[in-house]
């Protein structure tokens, strides 16, 4: 059973921009990612937008393994600020783990 957290996107963007709603889910970012992760970045962004907190928390290692190389960002047809979104997610995970 999946429990949804409707305000998850607001929790994530508490102190930063998170423009994942512009994502068209086209898959360019996933195809070009040097890590070859099927979840990064569009899948993870979708978890946030849909309020799937448990699924998002399962992807913490993937988020922290991102190289922040911007390959995905410079090729994104929607202009999503992917690297900033990943940084925002890292801050969110830190806040969850350490109460920052």
N, C-alpha and C. Protein backbone atom coordinates (compact mmCIF):
# COMPACT_ATOMS: atom_id res chain seq x y z
N UNK A 1 0.84 -1.18 0.00
CA UNK A 1 0.00 0.00 0.00
C UNK A 1 0.89 1.24 0.00
N UNK A 2 0.59 2.16 -0.87
CA UNK A 2 1.34 3.41 -0.96
C UNK A 2 0.60 4.50 -0.22
N UNK A 3 1.28 5.12 0.71
CA UNK A 3 0.71 6.24 1.46
C UNK A 3 1.22 7.52 0.81
N UNK A 4 0.31 8.42 0.49
CA UNK A 4 0.68 9.68 -0.16
C UNK A 4 0.79 10.80 0.86
N UNK A 5 1.76 11.66 0.63
CA UNK A 5 1.97 12.84 1.45
C UNK A 5 1.72 14.05 0.54
N UNK A 6 0.50 14.58 0.54
CA UNK A 6 0.14 15.63 -0.42
C UNK A 6 1.03 16.87 -0.38
N UNK A 7 1.59 17.20 0.76
CA UNK A 7 2.42 18.40 0.86
C UNK A 7 3.91 18.10 0.75
N UNK A 8 4.27 16.93 0.21
CA UNK A 8 5.67 16.55 0.11
C UNK A 8 6.47 17.56 -0.71
N UNK A 9 5.93 18.01 -1.81
CA UNK A 9 6.66 18.98 -2.64
C UNK A 9 6.91 20.27 -1.86
N UNK A 10 5.98 20.66 -1.02
CA UNK A 10 6.18 21.85 -0.18
C UNK A 10 7.25 21.60 0.88
N UNK A 11 7.29 20.40 1.42
CA UNK A 11 8.32 20.05 2.39
C UNK A 11 9.70 20.07 1.74
N UNK A 12 9.79 19.56 0.53
CA UNK A 12 11.06 19.51 -0.19
C UNK A 12 11.55 20.91 -0.50
N UNK A 13 10.65 21.76 -0.97
CA UNK A 13 11.07 23.11 -1.37
C UNK A 13 10.95 24.12 -0.24
N UNK A 14 11.07 23.66 0.98
CA UNK A 14 10.95 24.53 2.15
C UNK A 14 11.83 25.77 2.07
N UNK A 15 13.09 25.61 1.70
CA UNK A 15 14.01 26.75 1.66
C UNK A 15 14.68 26.92 0.30
N UNK A 16 14.15 26.28 -0.73
CA UNK A 16 14.83 26.33 -2.02
C UNK A 16 13.83 26.12 -3.15
N UNK A 17 14.29 26.41 -4.34
CA UNK A 17 13.48 26.20 -5.54
C UNK A 17 13.45 24.72 -5.87
N UNK A 18 12.33 24.25 -6.37
CA UNK A 18 12.20 22.88 -6.85
C UNK A 18 11.24 22.94 -8.03
N UNK A 19 11.77 23.03 -9.25
CA UNK A 19 10.93 23.26 -10.41
C UNK A 19 10.64 21.98 -11.20
N UNK A 20 10.54 20.87 -10.53
CA UNK A 20 10.32 19.59 -11.21
C UNK A 20 8.97 19.50 -11.89
N UNK A 21 8.03 20.35 -11.53
CA UNK A 21 6.72 20.30 -12.17
C UNK A 21 6.79 20.65 -13.65
N UNK A 22 7.88 21.28 -14.08
CA UNK A 22 8.07 21.58 -15.50
C UNK A 22 8.50 20.34 -16.28
N UNK A 23 8.88 19.28 -15.59
CA UNK A 23 9.34 18.06 -16.24
C UNK A 23 8.23 17.46 -17.10
N UNK A 24 8.57 17.16 -18.35
CA UNK A 24 7.62 16.56 -19.29
C UNK A 24 7.69 15.04 -19.27
N UNK A 25 8.58 14.48 -18.47
CA UNK A 25 8.77 13.03 -18.36
C UNK A 25 9.15 12.41 -19.70
N UNK A 26 9.99 13.14 -20.46
CA UNK A 26 10.39 12.69 -21.80
C UNK A 26 11.47 11.62 -21.77
N UNK A 27 12.29 11.60 -20.72
CA UNK A 27 13.31 10.59 -20.57
C UNK A 27 14.69 10.95 -21.09
N UNK A 28 14.86 12.14 -21.63
CA UNK A 28 16.17 12.56 -22.13
C UNK A 28 17.20 12.52 -21.00
N UNK A 29 16.83 13.01 -19.83
CA UNK A 29 17.75 13.06 -18.70
C UNK A 29 18.21 11.66 -18.29
N UNK A 30 17.28 10.74 -18.24
CA UNK A 30 17.60 9.38 -17.83
C UNK A 30 18.50 8.71 -18.87
N UNK A 31 18.22 8.97 -20.14
CA UNK A 31 19.01 8.35 -21.21
C UNK A 31 20.44 8.84 -21.24
N UNK A 32 20.65 10.08 -20.84
CA UNK A 32 21.99 10.68 -20.95
C UNK A 32 22.79 10.60 -19.65
N UNK A 33 22.18 10.19 -18.57
CA UNK A 33 22.84 10.14 -17.26
C UNK A 33 23.99 9.13 -17.27
N UNK A 34 25.20 9.57 -16.91
CA UNK A 34 26.34 8.65 -16.91
C UNK A 34 26.23 7.55 -15.85
N UNK A 35 25.35 7.73 -14.87
CA UNK A 35 25.16 6.70 -13.85
C UNK A 35 24.25 5.58 -14.35
N UNK A 36 23.45 5.87 -15.37
CA UNK A 36 22.53 4.87 -15.91
C UNK A 36 21.40 4.51 -14.96
N UNK A 37 21.07 5.41 -14.07
CA UNK A 37 19.99 5.15 -13.11
C UNK A 37 18.64 5.36 -13.76
N UNK A 38 17.76 4.39 -13.60
CA UNK A 38 16.43 4.54 -14.17
C UNK A 38 15.55 5.49 -13.37
N UNK A 39 15.95 5.81 -12.15
CA UNK A 39 15.14 6.69 -11.29
C UNK A 39 15.60 8.14 -11.30
N UNK A 40 16.82 8.39 -11.71
CA UNK A 40 17.38 9.73 -11.62
C UNK A 40 17.38 10.39 -12.99
N UNK A 41 16.89 11.56 -13.12
CA UNK A 41 16.18 12.37 -12.13
C UNK A 41 14.66 12.29 -12.23
N UNK A 42 14.13 11.98 -13.40
CA UNK A 42 12.68 12.14 -13.59
C UNK A 42 11.84 11.27 -12.68
N UNK A 43 12.25 10.05 -12.41
CA UNK A 43 11.47 9.18 -11.53
C UNK A 43 11.41 9.71 -10.12
N UNK A 44 12.54 10.20 -9.65
CA UNK A 44 12.60 10.74 -8.30
C UNK A 44 11.77 12.01 -8.19
N UNK A 45 11.85 12.86 -9.20
CA UNK A 45 11.03 14.08 -9.20
C UNK A 45 9.55 13.72 -9.19
N UNK A 46 9.17 12.69 -9.92
CA UNK A 46 7.77 12.27 -9.98
C UNK A 46 7.31 11.81 -8.59
N UNK A 47 8.18 11.10 -7.86
CA UNK A 47 7.81 10.69 -6.50
C UNK A 47 7.46 11.90 -5.65
N UNK A 48 8.25 12.95 -5.77
CA UNK A 48 8.00 14.17 -4.98
C UNK A 48 6.68 14.79 -5.38
N UNK A 49 6.48 14.97 -6.67
CA UNK A 49 5.27 15.63 -7.15
C UNK A 49 4.00 14.85 -6.82
N UNK A 50 4.11 13.53 -6.77
CA UNK A 50 2.95 12.70 -6.45
C UNK A 50 2.77 12.48 -4.95
N UNK A 51 3.73 12.96 -4.15
CA UNK A 51 3.63 12.82 -2.70
C UNK A 51 4.00 11.43 -2.20
N UNK A 52 4.83 10.72 -2.94
CA UNK A 52 5.22 9.35 -2.58
C UNK A 52 6.50 9.37 -1.74
N UNK A 53 6.33 9.78 -0.48
CA UNK A 53 7.47 10.00 0.41
C UNK A 53 8.28 8.72 0.64
N UNK A 54 7.62 7.60 0.87
CA UNK A 54 8.34 6.35 1.13
C UNK A 54 9.21 5.96 -0.06
N UNK A 55 8.67 6.12 -1.26
CA UNK A 55 9.43 5.79 -2.47
C UNK A 55 10.60 6.75 -2.64
N UNK A 56 10.37 8.02 -2.33
CA UNK A 56 11.44 9.01 -2.39
C UNK A 56 12.57 8.66 -1.43
N UNK A 57 12.23 8.31 -0.21
CA UNK A 57 13.24 7.99 0.79
C UNK A 57 14.06 6.76 0.39
N UNK A 58 13.48 5.85 -0.36
CA UNK A 58 14.21 4.68 -0.85
C UNK A 58 15.27 5.06 -1.88
N UNK A 59 15.16 6.23 -2.47
CA UNK A 59 16.08 6.68 -3.51
C UNK A 59 17.16 7.60 -2.99
N UNK A 60 17.32 7.67 -1.68
CA UNK A 60 18.30 8.59 -1.09
C UNK A 60 19.71 8.31 -1.61
N UNK A 61 20.12 7.07 -1.67
CA UNK A 61 21.46 6.75 -2.16
C UNK A 61 21.65 7.20 -3.60
N UNK A 62 20.62 7.03 -4.40
CA UNK A 62 20.68 7.46 -5.80
C UNK A 62 20.86 8.97 -5.90
N UNK A 63 20.11 9.71 -5.11
CA UNK A 63 20.21 11.18 -5.12
C UNK A 63 21.61 11.62 -4.72
N UNK A 64 22.18 11.01 -3.70
CA UNK A 64 23.51 11.40 -3.26
C UNK A 64 24.62 10.88 -4.17
N UNK A 65 24.31 9.93 -5.04
CA UNK A 65 25.33 9.44 -5.98
C UNK A 65 25.38 10.28 -7.26
N UNK A 66 24.42 11.17 -7.45
CA UNK A 66 24.41 12.03 -8.63
C UNK A 66 25.71 12.82 -8.69
N UNK A 67 26.30 12.87 -9.87
CA UNK A 67 27.58 13.55 -10.07
C UNK A 67 27.44 15.07 -10.22
N UNK A 68 26.21 15.56 -10.35
CA UNK A 68 25.94 16.98 -10.57
C UNK A 68 26.69 17.49 -11.80
N UNK A 69 26.80 16.65 -12.80
CA UNK A 69 27.58 16.98 -14.01
C UNK A 69 26.81 17.88 -14.98
N UNK A 70 25.51 17.99 -14.80
CA UNK A 70 24.61 18.82 -15.62
C UNK A 70 24.38 18.28 -17.03
N UNK A 71 24.80 17.06 -17.32
CA UNK A 71 24.51 16.47 -18.64
C UNK A 71 23.01 16.46 -18.87
N UNK A 72 22.27 16.09 -17.86
CA UNK A 72 20.81 16.03 -17.97
C UNK A 72 20.22 17.42 -18.16
N UNK A 73 20.73 18.35 -17.40
CA UNK A 73 20.17 19.70 -17.39
C UNK A 73 20.37 20.43 -18.73
N UNK A 74 21.56 20.34 -19.29
CA UNK A 74 21.81 21.05 -20.55
C UNK A 74 21.06 20.43 -21.71
N UNK A 75 20.59 19.20 -21.56
CA UNK A 75 19.83 18.54 -22.62
C UNK A 75 18.34 18.49 -22.36
N UNK A 76 17.89 19.07 -21.26
CA UNK A 76 16.47 19.04 -20.89
C UNK A 76 15.66 19.99 -21.77
N UNK A 77 14.72 19.48 -22.56
CA UNK A 77 13.92 20.35 -23.42
C UNK A 77 12.95 21.25 -22.66
N UNK A 78 12.66 20.91 -21.40
CA UNK A 78 11.73 21.71 -20.59
C UNK A 78 12.45 22.74 -19.74
N UNK A 79 13.78 22.73 -19.74
CA UNK A 79 14.52 23.70 -18.95
C UNK A 79 14.44 23.50 -17.45
N UNK A 80 14.25 22.26 -17.04
CA UNK A 80 14.20 21.96 -15.61
C UNK A 80 15.59 22.15 -15.01
N UNK A 81 15.66 22.79 -13.88
CA UNK A 81 16.93 23.01 -13.18
C UNK A 81 17.26 21.76 -12.36
N UNK A 82 17.66 20.72 -13.05
CA UNK A 82 17.81 19.40 -12.44
C UNK A 82 18.84 19.39 -11.33
N UNK A 83 19.99 20.01 -11.55
CA UNK A 83 21.04 19.99 -10.54
C UNK A 83 20.59 20.70 -9.27
N UNK A 84 19.93 21.82 -9.41
CA UNK A 84 19.41 22.52 -8.23
C UNK A 84 18.34 21.68 -7.53
N UNK A 85 17.52 21.00 -8.32
CA UNK A 85 16.51 20.12 -7.72
C UNK A 85 17.16 18.99 -6.93
N UNK A 86 18.23 18.42 -7.47
CA UNK A 86 18.95 17.35 -6.77
C UNK A 86 19.55 17.91 -5.48
N UNK A 87 20.13 19.08 -5.54
CA UNK A 87 20.67 19.71 -4.32
C UNK A 87 19.56 19.95 -3.30
N UNK A 88 18.42 20.40 -3.77
CA UNK A 88 17.28 20.62 -2.88
C UNK A 88 16.86 19.32 -2.22
N UNK A 89 16.85 18.24 -2.99
CA UNK A 89 16.51 16.94 -2.42
C UNK A 89 17.54 16.49 -1.38
N UNK A 90 18.80 16.76 -1.64
CA UNK A 90 19.84 16.41 -0.66
C UNK A 90 19.62 17.17 0.64
N UNK A 91 19.26 18.43 0.54
CA UNK A 91 18.98 19.22 1.75
C UNK A 91 17.76 18.65 2.48
N UNK A 92 16.77 18.26 1.70
CA UNK A 92 15.57 17.66 2.30
C UNK A 92 15.94 16.40 3.07
N UNK A 93 16.75 15.52 2.47
CA UNK A 93 17.17 14.29 3.15
C UNK A 93 17.96 14.62 4.41
N UNK A 94 18.81 15.62 4.34
CA UNK A 94 19.57 16.04 5.53
C UNK A 94 18.62 16.50 6.64
N UNK A 95 17.64 17.29 6.26
CA UNK A 95 16.67 17.77 7.25
C UNK A 95 15.91 16.60 7.88
N UNK A 96 15.54 15.62 7.05
CA UNK A 96 14.82 14.45 7.56
C UNK A 96 15.69 13.64 8.52
N UNK A 97 16.96 13.47 8.17
CA UNK A 97 17.85 12.62 8.96
C UNK A 97 18.39 13.31 10.21
N UNK A 98 18.69 14.61 10.08
CA UNK A 98 19.39 15.31 11.16
C UNK A 98 18.61 16.47 11.76
N UNK A 99 17.40 16.70 11.28
CA UNK A 99 16.60 17.78 11.81
C UNK A 99 17.16 19.16 11.52
N UNK A 100 17.90 19.28 10.41
CA UNK A 100 18.51 20.57 10.05
C UNK A 100 17.48 21.53 9.50
